[in-house]
């Protein structure tokens, strides 16, 4: 990945994290600044990792069903600035109530743009590549959402008393 693509992935991760944290901060006005900054940095790291792992996970899924050798190497499926720029816009639109449908349509567009390079790199059809991208995206989102719920549940649970 080029340095410009890395910066764009981190900015998209920051925007996604801010979109998730701002409603929390708005509801709980007494949240301290260090806690908000910690949540924002952690969220940025997680969201950036998910964005960076999306094409690699799809690459792995596409290779699972293939018994023939791969057409090209794994570097063919890294993000380029032209592919990440719409994803950055998608992350900005992810702010609550600003357009979940537009956010989803941009994600679909980015996935469709990745399907061509994935198909060329792995030797699968475009539709199979699109399916692998969709499965990878949904799988990564489900894992992150599950971890987020577990962290939220443990963070909101108060101290428990031991039974006598």
N, C-alpha and C. Protein backbone atom coordinates (compact mmCIF):
# COMPACT_ATOMS: atom_id res chain seq x y z
N UNK A 1 0.84 -1.17 0.00
CA UNK A 1 0.00 0.00 0.00
C UNK A 1 0.89 1.24 0.00
N UNK A 2 0.52 2.22 -0.78
CA UNK A 2 1.29 3.45 -0.83
C UNK A 2 1.04 4.27 0.44
N UNK A 3 1.94 5.17 0.78
CA UNK A 3 1.72 6.01 1.95
C UNK A 3 0.42 6.83 1.87
N UNK A 4 0.07 7.29 0.67
CA UNK A 4 -1.17 8.05 0.52
C UNK A 4 -2.38 7.16 0.83
N UNK A 5 -2.34 5.90 0.37
CA UNK A 5 -3.43 4.97 0.65
C UNK A 5 -3.52 4.68 2.15
N UNK A 6 -2.38 4.54 2.82
CA UNK A 6 -2.38 4.29 4.26
C UNK A 6 -3.02 5.48 4.99
N UNK A 7 -2.65 6.69 4.60
CA UNK A 7 -3.22 7.89 5.24
C UNK A 7 -4.73 7.93 5.01
N UNK A 8 -5.17 7.61 3.80
CA UNK A 8 -6.60 7.61 3.51
C UNK A 8 -7.35 6.53 4.29
N UNK A 9 -6.74 5.36 4.46
CA UNK A 9 -7.36 4.29 5.25
C UNK A 9 -7.49 4.73 6.71
N UNK A 10 -6.44 5.36 7.25
CA UNK A 10 -6.50 5.83 8.65
C UNK A 10 -7.54 6.94 8.80
N UNK A 11 -7.61 7.85 7.83
CA UNK A 11 -8.63 8.91 7.90
C UNK A 11 -10.04 8.32 7.80
N UNK A 12 -10.22 7.31 6.97
CA UNK A 12 -11.53 6.66 6.88
C UNK A 12 -11.85 5.96 8.20
N UNK A 13 -10.86 5.33 8.81
CA UNK A 13 -11.06 4.70 10.12
C UNK A 13 -11.39 5.72 11.20
N UNK A 14 -10.72 6.86 11.17
CA UNK A 14 -11.00 7.93 12.13
C UNK A 14 -12.42 8.45 11.95
N UNK A 15 -12.84 8.63 10.73
CA UNK A 15 -14.18 9.13 10.47
C UNK A 15 -15.24 8.13 10.91
N UNK A 16 -15.02 6.85 10.63
CA UNK A 16 -15.96 5.82 11.07
C UNK A 16 -16.03 5.79 12.60
N UNK A 17 -14.87 5.86 13.26
CA UNK A 17 -14.84 5.84 14.73
C UNK A 17 -15.54 7.07 15.31
N UNK A 18 -15.29 8.23 14.72
CA UNK A 18 -15.94 9.45 15.21
C UNK A 18 -17.45 9.36 15.03
N UNK A 19 -17.89 8.77 13.94
CA UNK A 19 -19.32 8.61 13.70
C UNK A 19 -19.99 7.70 14.72
N UNK A 20 -19.23 6.78 15.28
CA UNK A 20 -19.79 5.90 16.30
C UNK A 20 -19.66 6.49 17.71
N UNK A 21 -18.65 7.30 17.93
CA UNK A 21 -18.40 7.81 19.28
C UNK A 21 -19.18 9.09 19.56
N UNK A 22 -19.38 9.94 18.56
CA UNK A 22 -20.08 11.21 18.80
C UNK A 22 -21.48 11.04 19.39
N UNK A 23 -22.29 10.09 18.93
CA UNK A 23 -23.60 9.91 19.59
C UNK A 23 -23.46 9.50 21.05
N UNK A 24 -22.46 8.71 21.37
CA UNK A 24 -22.23 8.31 22.75
C UNK A 24 -21.87 9.52 23.60
N UNK A 25 -21.00 10.37 23.09
CA UNK A 25 -20.59 11.57 23.82
C UNK A 25 -21.77 12.53 23.96
N UNK A 26 -22.62 12.61 22.94
CA UNK A 26 -23.78 13.51 23.01
C UNK A 26 -24.78 13.04 24.07
N UNK A 27 -24.92 11.73 24.24
CA UNK A 27 -25.86 11.21 25.24
C UNK A 27 -25.29 11.30 26.64
N UNK A 28 -24.00 11.16 26.77
CA UNK A 28 -23.37 11.18 28.09
C UNK A 28 -22.41 12.37 28.14
N UNK A 29 -22.94 13.49 28.54
CA UNK A 29 -22.15 14.72 28.50
C UNK A 29 -21.02 14.73 29.54
N UNK A 30 -21.07 13.84 30.50
CA UNK A 30 -20.04 13.84 31.53
C UNK A 30 -18.86 12.92 31.21
N UNK A 31 -18.76 12.46 29.99
CA UNK A 31 -17.64 11.61 29.61
C UNK A 31 -16.39 12.49 29.55
N UNK A 32 -15.33 12.04 30.20
CA UNK A 32 -14.12 12.86 30.26
C UNK A 32 -13.39 12.86 28.91
N UNK A 33 -12.63 13.89 28.72
CA UNK A 33 -11.88 14.05 27.47
C UNK A 33 -10.89 12.92 27.24
N UNK A 34 -10.13 12.47 28.26
CA UNK A 34 -9.21 11.35 28.02
C UNK A 34 -9.93 10.06 27.60
N UNK A 35 -11.12 9.84 28.15
CA UNK A 35 -11.88 8.65 27.76
C UNK A 35 -12.32 8.76 26.31
N UNK A 36 -12.80 9.94 25.92
CA UNK A 36 -13.23 10.14 24.53
C UNK A 36 -12.04 9.98 23.58
N UNK A 37 -10.90 10.55 23.93
CA UNK A 37 -9.71 10.42 23.08
C UNK A 37 -9.25 8.97 22.99
N UNK A 38 -9.30 8.26 24.11
CA UNK A 38 -8.94 6.84 24.10
C UNK A 38 -9.87 6.02 23.23
N UNK A 39 -11.17 6.29 23.36
CA UNK A 39 -12.15 5.59 22.52
C UNK A 39 -11.94 5.92 21.04
N UNK A 40 -11.66 7.17 20.76
CA UNK A 40 -11.46 7.59 19.38
C UNK A 40 -10.21 6.94 18.77
N UNK A 41 -9.12 6.90 19.53
CA UNK A 41 -7.89 6.27 19.03
C UNK A 41 -8.07 4.77 18.85
N UNK A 42 -8.72 4.12 19.82
CA UNK A 42 -8.96 2.69 19.71
C UNK A 42 -9.89 2.39 18.54
N UNK A 43 -10.95 3.17 18.42
CA UNK A 43 -11.88 2.99 17.31
C UNK A 43 -11.23 3.22 15.97
N UNK A 44 -10.35 4.21 15.90
CA UNK A 44 -9.63 4.47 14.65
C UNK A 44 -8.75 3.28 14.27
N UNK A 45 -8.06 2.73 15.24
CA UNK A 45 -7.19 1.57 14.97
C UNK A 45 -8.01 0.37 14.50
N UNK A 46 -9.14 0.13 15.17
CA UNK A 46 -9.97 -1.02 14.80
C UNK A 46 -10.60 -0.83 13.43
N UNK A 47 -11.19 0.33 13.19
CA UNK A 47 -11.85 0.58 11.90
C UNK A 47 -10.84 0.59 10.76
N UNK A 48 -9.66 1.16 10.99
CA UNK A 48 -8.62 1.17 9.96
C UNK A 48 -8.16 -0.26 9.65
N UNK A 49 -8.04 -1.07 10.70
CA UNK A 49 -7.63 -2.46 10.49
C UNK A 49 -8.69 -3.22 9.68
N UNK A 50 -9.96 -2.97 9.98
CA UNK A 50 -11.03 -3.64 9.24
C UNK A 50 -11.00 -3.22 7.77
N UNK A 51 -10.82 -1.93 7.53
CA UNK A 51 -10.76 -1.44 6.15
C UNK A 51 -9.56 -2.06 5.43
N UNK A 52 -8.41 -2.11 6.09
CA UNK A 52 -7.21 -2.67 5.47
C UNK A 52 -7.34 -4.17 5.24
N UNK A 53 -8.05 -4.87 6.13
CA UNK A 53 -8.18 -6.32 6.02
C UNK A 53 -9.26 -6.76 5.03
N UNK A 54 -10.14 -5.87 4.64
CA UNK A 54 -11.25 -6.26 3.77
C UNK A 54 -10.77 -6.92 2.48
N UNK A 55 -9.88 -6.31 1.68
CA UNK A 55 -9.46 -7.00 0.45
C UNK A 55 -8.64 -8.25 0.72
N UNK A 56 -7.86 -8.26 1.80
CA UNK A 56 -7.06 -9.45 2.11
C UNK A 56 -7.93 -10.62 2.54
N UNK A 57 -8.99 -10.33 3.29
CA UNK A 57 -9.93 -11.38 3.68
C UNK A 57 -10.66 -11.92 2.46
N UNK A 58 -11.07 -11.04 1.58
CA UNK A 58 -11.72 -11.48 0.35
C UNK A 58 -10.76 -12.31 -0.50
N UNK A 59 -9.50 -11.92 -0.54
CA UNK A 59 -8.46 -12.66 -1.26
C UNK A 59 -8.37 -14.09 -0.70
N UNK A 60 -8.35 -14.19 0.63
CA UNK A 60 -8.26 -15.51 1.26
C UNK A 60 -9.50 -16.35 0.95
N UNK A 61 -10.67 -15.74 0.99
CA UNK A 61 -11.89 -16.48 0.67
C UNK A 61 -11.90 -16.94 -0.78
N UNK A 62 -11.43 -16.10 -1.68
CA UNK A 62 -11.41 -16.47 -3.10
C UNK A 62 -10.43 -17.61 -3.35
N UNK A 63 -9.36 -17.65 -2.58
CA UNK A 63 -8.37 -18.72 -2.76
C UNK A 63 -8.80 -20.02 -2.11
N UNK A 64 -9.75 -19.99 -1.18
CA UNK A 64 -10.18 -21.21 -0.50
C UNK A 64 -10.74 -22.24 -1.47
N UNK A 65 -11.57 -21.79 -2.39
CA UNK A 65 -12.22 -22.71 -3.31
C UNK A 65 -11.42 -23.01 -4.55
N UNK A 66 -10.24 -22.45 -4.67
CA UNK A 66 -9.44 -22.62 -5.89
C UNK A 66 -8.37 -23.68 -5.67
N UNK A 67 -8.32 -24.66 -6.59
CA UNK A 67 -7.25 -25.65 -6.51
C UNK A 67 -6.16 -25.32 -7.52
N UNK A 68 -6.46 -24.39 -8.44
CA UNK A 68 -5.45 -24.00 -9.42
C UNK A 68 -4.58 -22.90 -8.83
N UNK A 69 -3.38 -22.74 -9.34
CA UNK A 69 -2.51 -21.69 -8.79
C UNK A 69 -3.09 -20.30 -9.03
N UNK A 70 -2.71 -19.40 -8.16
CA UNK A 70 -3.17 -18.02 -8.25
C UNK A 70 -2.50 -17.34 -9.44
N UNK A 71 -3.26 -16.47 -10.11
CA UNK A 71 -2.77 -15.82 -11.31
C UNK A 71 -1.64 -14.85 -11.00
N UNK A 72 -1.77 -14.08 -9.92
CA UNK A 72 -0.73 -13.12 -9.56
C UNK A 72 -0.52 -13.15 -8.05
N UNK A 73 0.39 -12.32 -7.57
CA UNK A 73 0.70 -12.34 -6.15
C UNK A 73 -0.25 -11.47 -5.34
N UNK A 74 -0.13 -11.53 -4.00
CA UNK A 74 -1.05 -10.84 -3.10
C UNK A 74 -0.92 -9.33 -3.17
N UNK A 75 0.17 -8.81 -3.68
CA UNK A 75 0.33 -7.36 -3.73
C UNK A 75 -0.62 -6.73 -4.74
N UNK A 76 -1.20 -7.52 -5.61
CA UNK A 76 -2.13 -6.97 -6.60
C UNK A 76 -3.43 -6.53 -5.95
N UNK A 77 -3.68 -6.94 -4.73
CA UNK A 77 -4.95 -6.62 -4.09
C UNK A 77 -4.83 -5.61 -2.96
N UNK A 78 -3.80 -4.83 -2.92
CA UNK A 78 -3.70 -3.80 -1.90
C UNK A 78 -4.51 -2.58 -2.33
N UNK A 79 -4.84 -1.76 -1.36
CA UNK A 79 -5.61 -0.56 -1.63
C UNK A 79 -4.79 0.43 -2.45
N UNK A 80 -5.45 1.12 -3.34
CA UNK A 80 -4.83 2.25 -4.03
C UNK A 80 -5.57 3.51 -3.58
N UNK A 81 -4.96 4.68 -3.70
CA UNK A 81 -5.66 5.90 -3.29
C UNK A 81 -7.00 6.09 -4.02
N UNK A 82 -7.06 5.69 -5.28
CA UNK A 82 -8.31 5.84 -6.03
C UNK A 82 -9.41 4.93 -5.49
N UNK A 83 -9.05 3.79 -4.92
CA UNK A 83 -10.04 2.89 -4.35
C UNK A 83 -10.46 3.33 -2.95
N UNK A 84 -9.54 3.93 -2.21
CA UNK A 84 -9.83 4.30 -0.82
C UNK A 84 -10.58 5.63 -0.74
N UNK A 85 -10.39 6.51 -1.69
CA UNK A 85 -11.04 7.83 -1.64
C UNK A 85 -12.55 7.73 -1.51
N UNK A 86 -13.26 6.89 -2.29
CA UNK A 86 -14.70 6.77 -2.07
C UNK A 86 -15.03 6.17 -0.72
N UNK A 87 -14.14 5.31 -0.21
CA UNK A 87 -14.36 4.74 1.11
C UNK A 87 -14.25 5.80 2.19
N UNK A 88 -13.37 6.77 2.01
CA UNK A 88 -13.26 7.89 2.94
C UNK A 88 -14.54 8.71 2.92
N UNK A 89 -15.06 8.97 1.74
CA UNK A 89 -16.34 9.67 1.62
C UNK A 89 -17.44 8.86 2.30
N UNK A 90 -17.40 7.56 2.12
CA UNK A 90 -18.37 6.67 2.73
C UNK A 90 -18.30 6.77 4.26
N UNK A 91 -17.10 6.86 4.79
CA UNK A 91 -16.93 6.97 6.24
C UNK A 91 -17.46 8.31 6.75
N UNK A 92 -17.27 9.36 5.99
CA UNK A 92 -17.78 10.67 6.40
C UNK A 92 -19.31 10.65 6.43
N UNK A 93 -19.90 9.99 5.45
CA UNK A 93 -21.36 9.91 5.38
C UNK A 93 -21.92 8.97 6.45
N UNK A 94 -21.06 8.18 7.09
CA UNK A 94 -21.53 7.22 8.08
C UNK A 94 -22.04 7.87 9.35
N UNK A 95 -21.86 9.18 9.50
CA UNK A 95 -22.37 9.83 10.69
C UNK A 95 -23.87 9.55 10.81
N UNK A 96 -24.36 9.33 12.00
CA UNK A 96 -25.75 8.96 12.19
C UNK A 96 -26.71 9.97 11.56
N UNK A 97 -27.73 9.45 10.96
CA UNK A 97 -28.83 10.20 10.35
C UNK A 97 -28.42 11.01 9.13
N UNK A 98 -27.19 10.86 8.64
CA UNK A 98 -26.78 11.58 7.44
C UNK A 98 -26.89 10.73 6.18
N UNK A 99 -27.34 9.54 6.31
CA UNK A 99 -27.54 8.74 5.12
C UNK A 99 -27.04 7.33 5.18
N UNK A 100 -27.67 6.46 5.98
CA UNK A 100 -27.23 5.06 5.99
C UNK A 100 -27.38 4.38 4.62
N UNK A 101 -28.40 4.76 3.86
CA UNK A 101 -28.58 4.16 2.55
C UNK A 101 -27.48 4.61 1.58
N UNK A 102 -27.11 5.88 1.65
CA UNK A 102 -26.01 6.38 0.82
C UNK A 102 -24.69 5.73 1.24
N UNK A 103 -24.50 5.55 2.54
CA UNK A 103 -23.32 4.88 3.06
C UNK A 103 -23.24 3.46 2.50
N UNK A 104 -24.35 2.73 2.53
CA UNK A 104 -24.38 1.37 2.02
C UNK A 104 -24.13 1.34 0.51
N UNK A 105 -24.70 2.28 -0.22
CA UNK A 105 -24.50 2.28 -1.67
C UNK A 105 -23.04 2.60 -2.03
N UNK A 106 -22.39 3.47 -1.27
CA UNK A 106 -20.97 3.73 -1.51
C UNK A 106 -20.12 2.51 -1.18
N UNK A 107 -20.47 1.80 -0.11
CA UNK A 107 -19.75 0.58 0.21
C UNK A 107 -19.91 -0.45 -0.91
N UNK A 108 -21.11 -0.55 -1.45
CA UNK A 108 -21.33 -1.46 -2.57
C UNK A 108 -20.51 -1.04 -3.79
N UNK A 109 -20.42 0.25 -4.04
CA UNK A 109 -19.62 0.74 -5.16
C UNK A 109 -18.14 0.44 -4.98
N UNK A 110 -17.63 0.63 -3.77
CA UNK A 110 -16.22 0.34 -3.50
C UNK A 110 -15.98 -1.16 -3.65
N UNK A 111 -16.91 -1.97 -3.14
CA UNK A 111 -16.78 -3.42 -3.29
C UNK A 111 -16.80 -3.85 -4.75
N UNK A 112 -17.67 -3.22 -5.54
CA UNK A 112 -17.72 -3.54 -6.98
C UNK A 112 -16.42 -3.13 -7.66
N UNK A 113 -15.83 -2.03 -7.21
CA UNK A 113 -14.55 -1.62 -7.77
C UNK A 113 -13.41 -2.57 -7.41
N UNK A 114 -13.50 -3.20 -6.25
CA UNK A 114 -12.48 -4.16 -5.84
C UNK A 114 -12.67 -5.53 -6.49
N UNK A 115 -13.88 -5.81 -6.95
CA UNK A 115 -14.16 -7.14 -7.50
C UNK A 115 -13.35 -7.42 -8.76
N UNK A 116 -13.15 -6.42 -9.59
CA UNK A 116 -12.36 -6.61 -10.81
C UNK A 116 -10.92 -7.01 -10.52
N UNK A 117 -10.20 -6.22 -9.69
CA UNK A 117 -8.82 -6.63 -9.36
C UNK A 117 -8.75 -7.97 -8.64
N UNK A 118 -9.73 -8.27 -7.77
CA UNK A 118 -9.73 -9.56 -7.08
C UNK A 118 -9.93 -10.70 -8.06
N UNK A 119 -10.85 -10.52 -9.00
CA UNK A 119 -11.09 -11.55 -10.01
C UNK A 119 -9.85 -11.77 -10.88
N UNK A 120 -9.20 -10.69 -11.27
CA UNK A 120 -8.00 -10.82 -12.09
C UNK A 120 -6.85 -11.46 -11.33
N UNK A 121 -6.75 -11.15 -10.05
CA UNK A 121 -5.63 -11.66 -9.26
C UNK A 121 -5.79 -13.12 -8.86
N UNK A 122 -7.03 -13.57 -8.69
CA UNK A 122 -7.25 -14.93 -8.21
C UNK A 122 -7.73 -15.88 -9.29
N UNK A 123 -8.18 -15.36 -10.42
CA UNK A 123 -8.65 -16.22 -11.49
C UNK A 123 -10.10 -16.67 -11.34
N UNK A 124 -10.84 -16.07 -10.42
CA UNK A 124 -12.26 -16.40 -10.27
C UNK A 124 -13.07 -15.44 -11.13
N UNK A 125 -14.36 -15.72 -11.27
CA UNK A 125 -15.22 -14.82 -12.03
C UNK A 125 -15.48 -13.56 -11.23
N UNK A 126 -15.99 -12.53 -11.92
CA UNK A 126 -16.28 -11.26 -11.25
C UNK A 126 -17.34 -11.47 -10.17
N UNK A 127 -18.36 -12.27 -10.46
CA UNK A 127 -19.43 -12.50 -9.50
C UNK A 127 -18.93 -13.25 -8.28
N UNK A 128 -18.04 -14.20 -8.47
CA UNK A 128 -17.45 -14.92 -7.33
C UNK A 128 -16.61 -13.96 -6.49
N UNK A 129 -15.86 -13.11 -7.15
CA UNK A 129 -15.05 -12.11 -6.43
C UNK A 129 -15.95 -11.16 -5.65
N UNK A 130 -17.05 -10.73 -6.27
CA UNK A 130 -17.98 -9.84 -5.57
C UNK A 130 -18.59 -10.55 -4.37
N UNK A 131 -18.90 -11.82 -4.52
CA UNK A 131 -19.43 -12.58 -3.39
C UNK A 131 -18.42 -12.72 -2.27
N UNK A 132 -17.17 -12.97 -2.63
CA UNK A 132 -16.11 -13.06 -1.61
C UNK A 132 -15.93 -11.73 -0.89
N UNK A 133 -15.99 -10.62 -1.64
CA UNK A 133 -15.89 -9.29 -1.01
C UNK A 133 -17.07 -9.03 -0.09
N UNK A 134 -18.26 -9.40 -0.51
CA UNK A 134 -19.44 -9.20 0.33
C UNK A 134 -19.34 -10.05 1.60
N UNK A 135 -18.96 -11.31 1.44
CA UNK A 135 -18.83 -12.19 2.59
C UNK A 135 -17.75 -11.70 3.55
N UNK A 136 -16.63 -11.25 3.00
CA UNK A 136 -15.56 -10.72 3.84
C UNK A 136 -16.00 -9.46 4.58
N UNK A 137 -16.68 -8.56 3.88
CA UNK A 137 -17.15 -7.33 4.51
C UNK A 137 -18.15 -7.59 5.61
N UNK A 138 -19.12 -8.45 5.34
CA UNK A 138 -20.13 -8.77 6.35
C UNK A 138 -19.49 -9.51 7.52
N UNK A 139 -18.58 -10.43 7.22
CA UNK A 139 -17.91 -11.17 8.30
C UNK A 139 -17.08 -10.27 9.20
N UNK A 140 -16.29 -9.39 8.60
CA UNK A 140 -15.50 -8.46 9.41
C UNK A 140 -16.39 -7.53 10.23
N UNK A 141 -17.46 -7.04 9.61
CA UNK A 141 -18.38 -6.16 10.34
C UNK A 141 -19.05 -6.90 11.49
N UNK A 142 -19.40 -8.16 11.29
CA UNK A 142 -20.04 -8.94 12.36
C UNK A 142 -19.08 -9.18 13.52
N UNK A 143 -17.83 -9.47 13.21
CA UNK A 143 -16.84 -9.68 14.27
C UNK A 143 -16.63 -8.40 15.07
N UNK A 144 -16.48 -7.28 14.38
CA UNK A 144 -16.27 -6.00 15.07
C UNK A 144 -17.50 -5.65 15.90
N UNK A 145 -18.69 -5.87 15.37
CA UNK A 145 -19.91 -5.55 16.13
C UNK A 145 -20.03 -6.46 17.36
N UNK A 146 -19.68 -7.72 17.23
CA UNK A 146 -19.73 -8.63 18.38
C UNK A 146 -18.75 -8.19 19.47
N UNK A 147 -17.54 -7.83 19.07
CA UNK A 147 -16.55 -7.35 20.05
C UNK A 147 -17.04 -6.05 20.67
N UNK A 148 -17.60 -5.16 19.87
CA UNK A 148 -18.11 -3.89 20.37
C UNK A 148 -19.20 -4.11 21.42
N UNK A 149 -20.10 -5.05 21.17
CA UNK A 149 -21.18 -5.33 22.12
C UNK A 149 -20.65 -5.95 23.42
N UNK A 150 -19.66 -6.83 23.29
CA UNK A 150 -19.08 -7.43 24.49
C UNK A 150 -18.39 -6.36 25.33
N UNK A 151 -17.64 -5.48 24.68
CA UNK A 151 -16.96 -4.40 25.40
C UNK A 151 -17.98 -3.47 26.03
N UNK A 152 -19.05 -3.14 25.32
CA UNK A 152 -20.07 -2.26 25.87
C UNK A 152 -20.78 -2.91 27.05
N UNK A 153 -21.04 -4.19 26.94
CA UNK A 153 -21.73 -4.89 28.03
C UNK A 153 -20.85 -4.97 29.27
N UNK A 154 -19.56 -5.24 29.09
CA UNK A 154 -18.68 -5.31 30.25
C UNK A 154 -18.38 -3.92 30.80
N UNK A 155 -18.39 -2.91 29.93
CA UNK A 155 -18.13 -1.55 30.39
C UNK A 155 -19.28 -0.93 31.14
N UNK A 156 -20.52 -1.35 30.84
CA UNK A 156 -21.68 -0.78 31.50
C UNK A 156 -22.11 -1.58 32.72
N UNK A 157 -21.64 -2.80 32.82
CA UNK A 157 -21.99 -3.62 33.99
C UNK A 157 -21.25 -3.08 35.20
N UNK A 158 -22.01 -2.79 36.23
CA UNK A 158 -21.41 -2.26 37.45
C UNK A 158 -20.74 -3.37 38.25
N UNK A 159 -20.15 -3.00 39.37
CA UNK A 159 -19.53 -4.04 40.20
C UNK A 159 -20.60 -4.98 40.74
N UNK A 160 -20.29 -6.25 40.73
CA UNK A 160 -21.25 -7.25 41.19
C UNK A 160 -20.83 -7.73 42.56
N UNK A 161 -21.85 -8.03 43.34
CA UNK A 161 -21.58 -8.58 44.68
C UNK A 161 -21.48 -10.09 44.58
N UNK A 162 -20.63 -10.63 45.39
CA UNK A 162 -20.49 -12.08 45.42
C UNK A 162 -21.65 -12.67 46.22
N UNK A 163 -22.20 -13.79 45.75
CA UNK A 163 -23.30 -14.41 46.50
C UNK A 163 -22.78 -14.94 47.83
N UNK A 164 -23.63 -14.85 48.83
CA UNK A 164 -23.23 -15.28 50.18
C UNK A 164 -23.40 -16.76 50.37
